[in-house]
Amino acid sequence: TAFVILVMMKLFIFDVDYIDETEHAIRRSRLTALSWLMFYPISMGSISLMGAGVGLLVADMGQVATMSVNVNFAQMLTCLSMAVFLLYASIQRNLHCIPYVKALKRNNECARADMLVSIHHMQSAIQAASGCFVASLPYLQVSSLCVLVWMAAILIFLVAVNLLDEIMLLQTVENAKGIVARSLLSSPSETG
């Protein structure tokens, strides 16, 4: 379970869209730049604390004789640090302009741009709600294994949800290829 959490965190963190440098939070305004610079260390620190908490939960599950683990502390540390990460990452992703929206609107793909905005907001809301749910796990009096399984399941779900915009963008690329192919077939060929 801990390995699945590790892999899903890697996929979740590195599932980033291309953002034009002018649309990045650091370049948009002083407020978004300051916010980004304040939130980034907090979210990365929460990942470190989550890793320490996962190690304690694994030690509790394995009943490691050399360690005395306070299960309540381990669950609080793990769950609250993951919740902080998910909430801050949700805020951070909204500091940027939503990727590809301007390009889609420039190419008269307004419906797809609106769909991409909706998907982005849905992803952020699901991510924030997942953070709230994870924060409640220590209060449910569940085992360490149950906490780890829930965390792994939530991360798998979030990675899948974060793939929705890529799927929509792939459909946009396929549509663009079809439009280009049709325009090439319908235009008269120029021969010398």
N, C-alpha and C. Protein backbone atom coordinates (compact mmCIF):
# COMPACT_ATOMS: atom_id res chain seq x y z
N THR A 1 0.82 -1.19 0.00
CA THR A 1 0.00 0.00 0.00
C THR A 1 0.87 1.25 0.00
N ALA A 2 1.94 1.23 0.79
CA ALA A 2 2.83 2.40 0.85
C ALA A 2 3.48 2.64 -0.51
N PHE A 3 3.82 1.56 -1.21
CA PHE A 3 4.42 1.69 -2.54
C PHE A 3 3.44 2.32 -3.52
N VAL A 4 2.18 1.90 -3.45
CA VAL A 4 1.15 2.48 -4.33
C VAL A 4 1.00 3.97 -4.03
N ILE A 5 1.03 4.34 -2.75
CA ILE A 5 0.95 5.76 -2.38
C ILE A 5 2.12 6.51 -2.98
N LEU A 6 3.31 5.93 -2.89
CA LEU A 6 4.51 6.58 -3.44
C LEU A 6 4.39 6.79 -4.95
N VAL A 7 3.98 5.77 -5.66
CA VAL A 7 3.85 5.86 -7.12
C VAL A 7 2.76 6.85 -7.51
N MET A 8 1.63 6.81 -6.82
CA MET A 8 0.53 7.72 -7.15
C MET A 8 0.90 9.17 -6.83
N MET A 9 1.64 9.40 -5.75
CA MET A 9 2.09 10.76 -5.45
C MET A 9 3.00 11.26 -6.56
N LYS A 10 3.88 10.41 -7.03
CA LYS A 10 4.77 10.78 -8.13
C LYS A 10 3.96 11.13 -9.37
N LEU A 11 3.00 10.30 -9.72
CA LEU A 11 2.16 10.57 -10.89
C LEU A 11 1.33 11.84 -10.69
N PHE A 12 0.84 12.03 -9.48
CA PHE A 12 -0.01 13.18 -9.19
C PHE A 12 0.80 14.47 -9.27
N ILE A 13 1.98 14.47 -8.70
CA ILE A 13 2.80 15.69 -8.68
C ILE A 13 3.32 16.02 -10.07
N PHE A 14 3.74 15.01 -10.82
CA PHE A 14 4.35 15.27 -12.11
C PHE A 14 3.36 15.26 -13.27
N ASP A 15 2.07 15.18 -12.97
CA ASP A 15 1.05 15.33 -14.00
C ASP A 15 0.80 16.82 -14.20
N VAL A 16 1.70 17.44 -14.93
CA VAL A 16 1.62 18.88 -15.11
C VAL A 16 1.37 19.18 -16.58
N ASP A 17 0.59 20.19 -16.81
CA ASP A 17 0.33 20.65 -18.17
C ASP A 17 1.35 21.72 -18.52
N TYR A 18 1.57 21.86 -19.81
CA TYR A 18 2.43 22.95 -20.26
C TYR A 18 1.73 24.27 -19.96
N ILE A 19 2.43 25.17 -19.32
CA ILE A 19 1.89 26.51 -19.05
C ILE A 19 2.85 27.51 -19.66
N ASP A 20 2.33 28.34 -20.54
CA ASP A 20 3.14 29.40 -21.13
C ASP A 20 3.69 30.26 -20.00
N GLU A 21 4.93 30.71 -20.15
CA GLU A 21 5.56 31.43 -19.04
C GLU A 21 4.81 32.70 -18.66
N THR A 22 4.09 33.31 -19.60
CA THR A 22 3.32 34.50 -19.25
C THR A 22 2.06 34.16 -18.46
N GLU A 23 1.63 32.90 -18.52
CA GLU A 23 0.43 32.49 -17.81
C GLU A 23 0.74 31.80 -16.49
N HIS A 24 2.03 31.61 -16.17
CA HIS A 24 2.42 30.99 -14.91
C HIS A 24 2.10 31.95 -13.76
N ALA A 25 1.80 31.40 -12.61
CA ALA A 25 1.42 32.22 -11.46
C ALA A 25 2.49 33.24 -11.10
N ILE A 26 3.75 32.89 -11.26
CA ILE A 26 4.83 33.80 -10.89
C ILE A 26 4.86 35.01 -11.81
N ARG A 27 4.43 34.87 -13.04
CA ARG A 27 4.47 35.97 -14.02
C ARG A 27 3.16 36.74 -14.13
N ARG A 28 2.06 36.18 -13.65
CA ARG A 28 0.75 36.82 -13.86
C ARG A 28 0.61 38.13 -13.11
N SER A 29 0.94 38.12 -11.84
CA SER A 29 0.85 39.35 -11.03
C SER A 29 1.69 39.16 -9.78
N ARG A 30 1.89 40.24 -9.07
CA ARG A 30 2.66 40.15 -7.82
C ARG A 30 1.92 39.32 -6.78
N LEU A 31 0.59 39.45 -6.75
CA LEU A 31 -0.20 38.69 -5.77
C LEU A 31 -0.10 37.19 -6.03
N THR A 32 -0.29 36.79 -7.29
CA THR A 32 -0.19 35.35 -7.58
C THR A 32 1.23 34.85 -7.39
N ALA A 33 2.23 35.67 -7.70
CA ALA A 33 3.62 35.27 -7.50
C ALA A 33 3.92 35.07 -6.02
N LEU A 34 3.49 36.01 -5.20
CA LEU A 34 3.72 35.90 -3.76
C LEU A 34 2.98 34.70 -3.18
N SER A 35 1.75 34.51 -3.62
CA SER A 35 0.97 33.35 -3.16
C SER A 35 1.66 32.05 -3.54
N TRP A 36 2.09 31.95 -4.79
CA TRP A 36 2.76 30.74 -5.26
C TRP A 36 4.02 30.47 -4.42
N LEU A 37 4.81 31.50 -4.21
CA LEU A 37 6.05 31.33 -3.47
C LEU A 37 5.80 31.00 -1.99
N MET A 38 4.67 31.42 -1.45
CA MET A 38 4.34 31.07 -0.06
C MET A 38 3.78 29.65 0.04
N PHE A 39 2.96 29.26 -0.92
CA PHE A 39 2.30 27.95 -0.85
C PHE A 39 3.22 26.80 -1.22
N TYR A 40 4.15 27.02 -2.13
CA TYR A 40 4.99 25.93 -2.63
C TYR A 40 5.78 25.24 -1.51
N PRO A 41 6.49 25.96 -0.64
CA PRO A 41 7.22 25.26 0.43
C PRO A 41 6.29 24.52 1.39
N ILE A 42 5.11 25.08 1.63
CA ILE A 42 4.16 24.41 2.52
C ILE A 42 3.70 23.09 1.91
N SER A 43 3.37 23.11 0.63
CA SER A 43 2.90 21.86 0.00
C SER A 43 4.03 20.83 -0.09
N MET A 44 5.24 21.26 -0.38
CA MET A 44 6.36 20.31 -0.44
C MET A 44 6.72 19.80 0.96
N GLY A 45 6.64 20.65 1.95
CA GLY A 45 6.89 20.22 3.33
C GLY A 45 5.85 19.22 3.80
N SER A 46 4.61 19.42 3.37
CA SER A 46 3.56 18.47 3.75
C SER A 46 3.79 17.10 3.13
N ILE A 47 4.41 17.06 1.95
CA ILE A 47 4.74 15.76 1.35
C ILE A 47 5.79 15.05 2.20
N SER A 48 6.76 15.80 2.70
CA SER A 48 7.79 15.20 3.57
C SER A 48 7.16 14.65 4.84
N LEU A 49 6.28 15.43 5.44
CA LEU A 49 5.62 14.96 6.66
C LEU A 49 4.73 13.75 6.38
N MET A 50 4.09 13.75 5.22
CA MET A 50 3.27 12.60 4.86
C MET A 50 4.12 11.35 4.73
N GLY A 51 5.31 11.48 4.12
CA GLY A 51 6.21 10.34 4.00
C GLY A 51 6.63 9.81 5.35
N ALA A 52 6.91 10.71 6.28
CA ALA A 52 7.27 10.27 7.64
C ALA A 52 6.10 9.56 8.30
N GLY A 53 4.89 10.09 8.10
CA GLY A 53 3.71 9.46 8.68
C GLY A 53 3.43 8.09 8.09
N VAL A 54 3.61 7.97 6.77
CA VAL A 54 3.40 6.65 6.13
C VAL A 54 4.39 5.65 6.70
N GLY A 55 5.63 6.07 6.91
CA GLY A 55 6.63 5.18 7.52
C GLY A 55 6.20 4.71 8.90
N LEU A 56 5.64 5.62 9.69
CA LEU A 56 5.16 5.25 11.03
C LEU A 56 3.97 4.29 10.94
N LEU A 57 3.07 4.52 10.00
CA LEU A 57 1.91 3.63 9.85
C LEU A 57 2.35 2.24 9.40
N VAL A 58 3.32 2.18 8.49
CA VAL A 58 3.84 0.88 8.05
C VAL A 58 4.50 0.17 9.22
N ALA A 59 5.26 0.90 10.03
CA ALA A 59 5.89 0.30 11.21
C ALA A 59 4.84 -0.21 12.18
N ASP A 60 3.74 0.53 12.34
CA ASP A 60 2.66 0.07 13.22
C ASP A 60 2.02 -1.20 12.69
N MET A 61 1.79 -1.25 11.38
CA MET A 61 1.17 -2.45 10.79
C MET A 61 2.08 -3.66 10.92
N GLY A 62 3.39 -3.43 10.77
CA GLY A 62 4.33 -4.54 10.84
C GLY A 62 4.73 -4.89 12.25
N GLN A 63 4.21 -4.12 13.22
CA GLN A 63 4.55 -4.34 14.62
C GLN A 63 6.05 -4.43 14.81
N VAL A 64 6.77 -3.43 14.31
CA VAL A 64 8.22 -3.38 14.43
C VAL A 64 8.58 -3.31 15.90
N ALA A 65 9.36 -4.29 16.37
CA ALA A 65 9.66 -4.41 17.80
C ALA A 65 10.55 -3.27 18.30
N THR A 66 11.37 -2.71 17.42
CA THR A 66 12.29 -1.66 17.86
C THR A 66 11.64 -0.29 17.91
N MET A 67 10.42 -0.19 17.42
CA MET A 67 9.74 1.12 17.40
C MET A 67 8.48 1.07 18.23
N SER A 68 8.29 2.12 19.00
CA SER A 68 7.03 2.29 19.71
C SER A 68 6.29 3.40 18.97
N VAL A 69 5.22 3.04 18.30
CA VAL A 69 4.50 3.99 17.45
C VAL A 69 3.22 4.42 18.14
N ASN A 70 3.04 5.72 18.25
CA ASN A 70 1.78 6.28 18.71
C ASN A 70 0.87 6.34 17.48
N VAL A 71 -0.07 5.43 17.39
CA VAL A 71 -0.90 5.29 16.20
C VAL A 71 -1.71 6.56 15.93
N ASN A 72 -2.23 7.17 16.96
CA ASN A 72 -3.01 8.40 16.76
C ASN A 72 -2.15 9.50 16.15
N PHE A 73 -0.93 9.66 16.67
CA PHE A 73 -0.01 10.66 16.12
C PHE A 73 0.33 10.33 14.67
N ALA A 74 0.63 9.06 14.40
CA ALA A 74 1.00 8.66 13.03
C ALA A 74 -0.13 8.92 12.05
N GLN A 75 -1.35 8.60 12.45
CA GLN A 75 -2.50 8.84 11.57
C GLN A 75 -2.75 10.33 11.38
N MET A 76 -2.66 11.10 12.45
CA MET A 76 -2.85 12.55 12.34
C MET A 76 -1.79 13.16 11.43
N LEU A 77 -0.53 12.79 11.66
CA LEU A 77 0.56 13.33 10.86
C LEU A 77 0.35 13.02 9.38
N THR A 78 0.06 11.77 9.08
CA THR A 78 -0.09 11.33 7.70
C THR A 78 -1.30 11.99 7.03
N CYS A 79 -2.43 11.90 7.68
CA CYS A 79 -3.67 12.39 7.06
C CYS A 79 -3.71 13.90 6.96
N LEU A 80 -3.30 14.59 8.00
CA LEU A 80 -3.36 16.05 7.94
C LEU A 80 -2.33 16.61 6.97
N SER A 81 -1.15 15.97 6.89
CA SER A 81 -0.17 16.47 5.91
C SER A 81 -0.63 16.20 4.48
N MET A 82 -1.29 15.07 4.24
CA MET A 82 -1.83 14.82 2.90
C MET A 82 -2.96 15.81 2.60
N ALA A 83 -3.79 16.08 3.58
CA ALA A 83 -4.88 17.03 3.39
C ALA A 83 -4.34 18.43 3.07
N VAL A 84 -3.31 18.85 3.80
CA VAL A 84 -2.69 20.15 3.53
C VAL A 84 -2.13 20.18 2.12
N PHE A 85 -1.46 19.09 1.74
CA PHE A 85 -0.91 19.04 0.38
C PHE A 85 -2.01 19.16 -0.66
N LEU A 86 -3.07 18.40 -0.52
CA LEU A 86 -4.15 18.42 -1.52
C LEU A 86 -4.83 19.79 -1.58
N LEU A 87 -5.06 20.40 -0.43
CA LEU A 87 -5.72 21.69 -0.41
C LEU A 87 -4.82 22.78 -1.00
N TYR A 88 -3.56 22.79 -0.60
CA TYR A 88 -2.65 23.80 -1.13
C TYR A 88 -2.36 23.58 -2.62
N ALA A 89 -2.26 22.33 -3.04
CA ALA A 89 -2.04 22.06 -4.47
C ALA A 89 -3.26 22.49 -5.28
N SER A 90 -4.45 22.36 -4.71
CA SER A 90 -5.66 22.81 -5.39
C SER A 90 -5.64 24.33 -5.55
N ILE A 91 -5.20 25.03 -4.50
CA ILE A 91 -5.08 26.49 -4.59
C ILE A 91 -4.02 26.87 -5.60
N GLN A 92 -2.87 26.19 -5.54
CA GLN A 92 -1.77 26.51 -6.46
C GLN A 92 -2.16 26.35 -7.92
N ARG A 93 -2.89 25.30 -8.23
CA ARG A 93 -3.24 25.07 -9.63
C ARG A 93 -4.17 26.15 -10.15
N ASN A 94 -4.89 26.82 -9.25
CA ASN A 94 -5.80 27.89 -9.68
C ASN A 94 -5.12 29.25 -9.74
N LEU A 95 -3.86 29.33 -9.34
CA LEU A 95 -3.12 30.58 -9.47
C LEU A 95 -2.65 30.80 -10.91
N HIS A 96 -2.50 29.71 -11.66
CA HIS A 96 -2.11 29.81 -13.06
C HIS A 96 -3.33 30.09 -13.92
N CYS A 97 -3.09 30.57 -15.13
CA CYS A 97 -4.16 30.55 -16.12
C CYS A 97 -4.38 29.10 -16.50
N ILE A 98 -5.59 28.74 -16.84
CA ILE A 98 -5.87 27.36 -17.22
C ILE A 98 -5.22 27.09 -18.57
N PRO A 99 -4.36 26.07 -18.63
CA PRO A 99 -3.61 25.81 -19.87
C PRO A 99 -4.51 25.55 -21.07
N TYR A 100 -4.08 26.05 -22.21
CA TYR A 100 -4.66 25.81 -23.53
C TYR A 100 -5.99 26.52 -23.78
N VAL A 101 -6.57 27.17 -22.78
CA VAL A 101 -7.87 27.81 -22.98
C VAL A 101 -7.75 28.96 -23.98
N LYS A 102 -6.74 29.79 -23.83
CA LYS A 102 -6.58 30.92 -24.76
C LYS A 102 -6.34 30.42 -26.18
N ALA A 103 -5.52 29.38 -26.32
CA ALA A 103 -5.23 28.84 -27.66
C ALA A 103 -6.49 28.26 -28.29
N LEU A 104 -7.30 27.56 -27.50
CA LEU A 104 -8.53 27.00 -28.04
C LEU A 104 -9.49 28.11 -28.46
N LYS A 105 -9.59 29.16 -27.67
CA LYS A 105 -10.49 30.26 -28.02
C LYS A 105 -10.00 31.01 -29.26
N ARG A 106 -8.67 31.15 -29.40
CA ARG A 106 -8.12 31.80 -30.60
C ARG A 106 -8.46 31.01 -31.85
N ASN A 107 -8.58 29.69 -31.72
CA ASN A 107 -8.88 28.83 -32.87
C ASN A 107 -10.37 28.48 -32.95
N ASN A 108 -11.20 29.33 -32.39
CA ASN A 108 -12.66 29.16 -32.44
C ASN A 108 -13.13 27.82 -31.90
N GLU A 109 -12.48 27.33 -30.87
CA GLU A 109 -12.89 26.10 -30.18
C GLU A 109 -13.43 26.49 -28.81
N CYS A 110 -14.37 27.44 -28.80
CA CYS A 110 -14.88 27.98 -27.54
C CYS A 110 -15.58 26.92 -26.69
N ALA A 111 -16.30 26.02 -27.32
CA ALA A 111 -16.98 24.97 -26.56
C ALA A 111 -15.96 24.07 -25.86
N ARG A 112 -14.88 23.73 -26.56
CA ARG A 112 -13.84 22.91 -25.93
C ARG A 112 -13.11 23.68 -24.84
N ALA A 113 -12.90 24.98 -25.06
CA ALA A 113 -12.26 25.80 -24.03
C ALA A 113 -13.12 25.85 -22.77
N ASP A 114 -14.42 26.03 -22.95
CA ASP A 114 -15.33 26.05 -21.80
C ASP A 114 -15.35 24.69 -21.10
N MET A 115 -15.30 23.61 -21.88
CA MET A 115 -15.25 22.27 -21.31
C MET A 115 -13.97 22.09 -20.49
N LEU A 116 -12.85 22.58 -21.01
CA LEU A 116 -11.58 22.48 -20.31
C LEU A 116 -11.60 23.26 -19.00
N VAL A 117 -12.22 24.43 -19.01
CA VAL A 117 -12.37 25.22 -17.78
C VAL A 117 -13.22 24.46 -16.77
N SER A 118 -14.30 23.87 -17.23
CA SER A 118 -15.18 23.10 -16.34
C SER A 118 -14.44 21.91 -15.75
N ILE A 119 -13.68 21.20 -16.58
CA ILE A 119 -12.91 20.06 -16.10
C ILE A 119 -11.89 20.51 -15.06
N HIS A 120 -11.23 21.63 -15.33
CA HIS A 120 -10.23 22.15 -14.40
C HIS A 120 -10.85 22.46 -13.04
N HIS A 121 -11.99 23.13 -13.05
CA HIS A 121 -12.66 23.46 -11.79
C HIS A 121 -13.17 22.20 -11.07
N MET A 122 -13.66 21.23 -11.83
CA MET A 122 -14.10 19.97 -11.23
C MET A 122 -12.92 19.25 -10.58
N GLN A 123 -11.76 19.22 -11.28
CA GLN A 123 -10.57 18.58 -10.72
C GLN A 123 -10.16 19.25 -9.42
N SER A 124 -10.17 20.57 -9.40
CA SER A 124 -9.79 21.31 -8.18
C SER A 124 -10.75 21.02 -7.04
N ALA A 125 -12.05 20.98 -7.34
CA ALA A 125 -13.05 20.72 -6.30
C ALA A 125 -12.91 19.30 -5.75
N ILE A 126 -12.70 18.33 -6.63
CA ILE A 126 -12.53 16.95 -6.18
C ILE A 126 -11.27 16.82 -5.34
N GLN A 127 -10.22 17.50 -5.75
CA GLN A 127 -8.96 17.46 -5.01
C GLN A 127 -9.15 18.06 -3.61
N ALA A 128 -9.83 19.19 -3.51
CA ALA A 128 -10.08 19.82 -2.21
C ALA A 128 -10.98 18.94 -1.34
N ALA A 129 -12.03 18.37 -1.94
CA ALA A 129 -12.92 17.48 -1.19
C ALA A 129 -12.17 16.25 -0.70
N SER A 130 -11.27 15.73 -1.51
CA SER A 130 -10.46 14.58 -1.10
C SER A 130 -9.58 14.95 0.08
N GLY A 131 -9.04 16.16 0.06
CA GLY A 131 -8.24 16.63 1.19
C GLY A 131 -9.06 16.69 2.46
N CYS A 132 -10.28 17.16 2.37
CA CYS A 132 -11.16 17.21 3.55
C CYS A 132 -11.48 15.81 4.06
N PHE A 133 -11.73 14.88 3.13
CA PHE A 133 -12.02 13.51 3.55
C PHE A 133 -10.82 12.88 4.25
N VAL A 134 -9.63 13.05 3.67
CA VAL A 134 -8.43 12.48 4.28
C VAL A 134 -8.20 13.06 5.67
N ALA A 135 -8.49 14.34 5.85
CA ALA A 135 -8.31 14.97 7.16
C ALA A 135 -9.24 14.37 8.21
N SER A 136 -10.36 13.81 7.76
CA SER A 136 -11.31 13.22 8.72
C SER A 136 -10.96 11.79 9.11
N LEU A 137 -10.09 11.13 8.36
CA LEU A 137 -9.79 9.72 8.63
C LEU A 137 -9.30 9.43 10.06
N PRO A 138 -8.42 10.24 10.65
CA PRO A 138 -7.98 9.91 12.01
C PRO A 138 -9.11 9.92 13.04
N TYR A 139 -10.15 10.65 12.76
CA TYR A 139 -11.26 10.76 13.71
C TYR A 139 -12.26 9.60 13.57
N LEU A 140 -12.07 8.76 12.56
CA LEU A 140 -12.99 7.64 12.33
C LEU A 140 -12.58 6.38 13.08
N GLN A 141 -11.47 6.45 13.81
CA GLN A 141 -10.99 5.32 14.60
C GLN A 141 -10.82 4.05 13.75
N VAL A 142 -10.07 4.18 12.67
CA VAL A 142 -9.80 3.05 11.79
C VAL A 142 -8.36 2.60 11.98
N SER A 143 -8.02 1.44 11.45
CA SER A 143 -6.67 0.90 11.59
C SER A 143 -5.70 1.63 10.66
N SER A 144 -4.41 1.42 10.91
CA SER A 144 -3.38 2.03 10.07
C SER A 144 -3.49 1.53 8.64
N LEU A 145 -3.77 0.24 8.49
CA LEU A 145 -3.93 -0.32 7.15
C LEU A 145 -5.09 0.35 6.41
N CYS A 146 -6.18 0.56 7.11
CA CYS A 146 -7.34 1.20 6.49
C CYS A 146 -6.99 2.62 6.04
N VAL A 147 -6.25 3.36 6.84
CA VAL A 147 -5.84 4.71 6.47
C VAL A 147 -4.99 4.66 5.21
N LEU A 148 -4.03 3.75 5.15
CA LEU A 148 -3.15 3.65 3.98
C LEU A 148 -3.92 3.23 2.73
N VAL A 149 -4.86 2.32 2.89
CA VAL A 149 -5.66 1.88 1.74
C VAL A 149 -6.52 3.03 1.22
N TRP A 150 -7.15 3.79 2.13
CA TRP A 150 -7.94 4.94 1.71
C TRP A 150 -7.08 5.97 0.99
N MET A 151 -5.90 6.23 1.54
CA MET A 151 -5.01 7.20 0.91
C MET A 151 -4.61 6.75 -0.49
N ALA A 152 -4.27 5.47 -0.63
CA ALA A 152 -3.89 4.95 -1.94
C ALA A 152 -5.07 5.03 -2.91
N ALA A 153 -6.25 4.68 -2.45
CA ALA A 153 -7.44 4.73 -3.32
C ALA A 153 -7.74 6.16 -3.76
N ILE A 154 -7.62 7.10 -2.85
CA ILE A 154 -7.87 8.50 -3.19
C ILE A 154 -6.86 9.00 -4.21
N LEU A 155 -5.58 8.65 -4.01
CA LEU A 155 -4.56 9.10 -4.97
C LEU A 155 -4.76 8.47 -6.34
N ILE A 156 -5.13 7.20 -6.39
CA ILE A 156 -5.42 6.55 -7.68
C ILE A 156 -6.59 7.28 -8.36
N PHE A 157 -7.62 7.58 -7.60
CA PHE A 157 -8.78 8.30 -8.14
C PHE A 157 -8.38 9.69 -8.64
N LEU A 158 -7.56 10.41 -7.88
CA LEU A 158 -7.15 11.76 -8.29
C LEU A 158 -6.29 11.72 -9.55
N VAL A 159 -5.42 10.73 -9.67
CA VAL A 159 -4.62 10.62 -10.89
C VAL A 159 -5.53 10.36 -12.08
N ALA A 160 -6.53 9.50 -11.91
CA ALA A 160 -7.48 9.23 -13.00
C ALA A 160 -8.27 10.49 -13.35
N VAL A 161 -8.73 11.23 -12.36
CA VAL A 161 -9.49 12.46 -12.61
C VAL A 161 -8.62 13.49 -13.32
N ASN A 162 -7.33 13.54 -12.97
CA ASN A 162 -6.44 14.51 -13.59
C ASN A 162 -6.09 14.16 -15.03
N LEU A 163 -6.46 12.98 -15.47
CA LEU A 163 -6.23 12.60 -16.86
C LEU A 163 -7.36 13.05 -17.78
N LEU A 164 -8.46 13.52 -17.20
CA LEU A 164 -9.62 13.91 -18.02
C LEU A 164 -9.28 15.03 -18.99
N ASP A 165 -8.52 16.04 -18.53
CA ASP A 165 -8.20 17.14 -19.44
C ASP A 165 -7.29 16.69 -20.57
N GLU A 166 -6.39 15.75 -20.29
CA GLU A 166 -5.53 15.23 -21.35
C GLU A 166 -6.35 14.48 -22.40
N ILE A 167 -7.33 13.72 -21.96
CA ILE A 167 -8.19 12.99 -22.89
C ILE A 167 -8.96 13.97 -23.77
N MET A 168 -9.49 15.03 -23.15
CA MET A 168 -10.22 16.04 -23.92
C MET A 168 -9.30 16.74 -24.91
N LEU A 169 -8.06 17.04 -24.49
CA LEU A 169 -7.12 17.69 -25.40
C LEU A 169 -6.72 16.77 -26.55
N LEU A 170 -6.60 15.47 -26.28
CA LEU A 170 -6.30 14.53 -27.36
C LEU A 170 -7.43 14.51 -28.39
N GLN A 171 -8.67 14.60 -27.93
CA GLN A 171 -9.79 14.66 -28.85
C GLN A 171 -9.72 15.94 -29.69
N THR A 172 -9.29 17.03 -29.07
CA THR A 172 -9.15 18.30 -29.79
C THR A 172 -8.08 18.17 -30.87
N VAL A 173 -6.98 17.52 -30.55
CA VAL A 173 -5.91 17.32 -31.53
C VAL A 173 -6.42 16.46 -32.68
N GLU A 174 -7.17 15.42 -32.38
CA GLU A 174 -7.72 14.56 -33.43
C GLU A 174 -8.68 15.36 -34.32
N ASN A 175 -9.51 16.20 -33.71
CA ASN A 175 -10.42 17.05 -34.50
C ASN A 175 -9.63 17.99 -35.39
N ALA A 176 -8.56 18.57 -34.86
CA ALA A 176 -7.73 19.50 -35.64
C ALA A 176 -7.09 18.78 -36.82
N LYS A 177 -6.61 17.55 -36.60
CA LYS A 177 -6.03 16.77 -37.69
C LYS A 177 -7.06 16.52 -38.79
N GLY A 178 -8.29 16.20 -38.37
CA GLY A 178 -9.36 15.96 -39.33
C GLY A 178 -9.69 17.21 -40.13
N ILE A 179 -9.72 18.36 -39.48
CA ILE A 179 -10.01 19.62 -40.17
C ILE A 179 -8.91 19.93 -41.17
N VAL A 180 -7.67 19.76 -40.77
CA VAL A 180 -6.54 20.02 -41.68
C VAL A 180 -6.59 19.07 -42.86
N ALA A 181 -6.86 17.79 -42.61
CA ALA A 181 -6.93 16.81 -43.70
C ALA A 181 -8.05 17.15 -44.68
N ARG A 182 -9.22 17.53 -44.15
CA ARG A 182 -10.34 17.89 -45.02
C ARG A 182 -10.03 19.14 -45.83
N SER A 183 -9.37 20.11 -45.21
CA SER A 183 -9.05 21.34 -45.95
C SER A 183 -8.01 21.07 -47.03
N LEU A 184 -7.10 20.15 -46.77
CA LEU A 184 -6.10 19.81 -47.79
C LEU A 184 -6.74 19.06 -48.95
N LEU A 185 -7.71 18.20 -48.67
CA LEU A 185 -8.39 17.45 -49.71
C LEU A 185 -9.33 18.34 -50.53
N SER A 186 -9.93 19.35 -49.90
CA SER A 186 -10.89 20.17 -50.62
C SER A 186 -10.24 21.30 -51.41
N SER A 187 -8.99 21.66 -51.09
CA SER A 187 -8.34 22.75 -51.82
C SER A 187 -7.75 22.19 -53.11
N PRO A 188 -7.83 22.99 -54.17
CA PRO A 188 -7.26 22.50 -55.45
C PRO A 188 -5.74 22.42 -55.33
N SER A 189 -5.20 21.35 -55.86
CA SER A 189 -3.74 21.17 -55.78
C SER A 189 -3.10 22.06 -56.80
N GLU A 190 -1.99 22.61 -56.41
CA GLU A 190 -1.26 23.51 -57.31
C GLU A 190 -0.09 22.74 -57.91
N THR A 191 -0.12 22.62 -59.18
CA THR A 191 1.00 21.96 -59.87
C THR A 191 1.62 22.95 -60.81
N GLY A 192 2.95 22.82 -60.98
CA GLY A 192 3.68 23.78 -61.79
C GLY A 192 3.68 23.39 -63.17
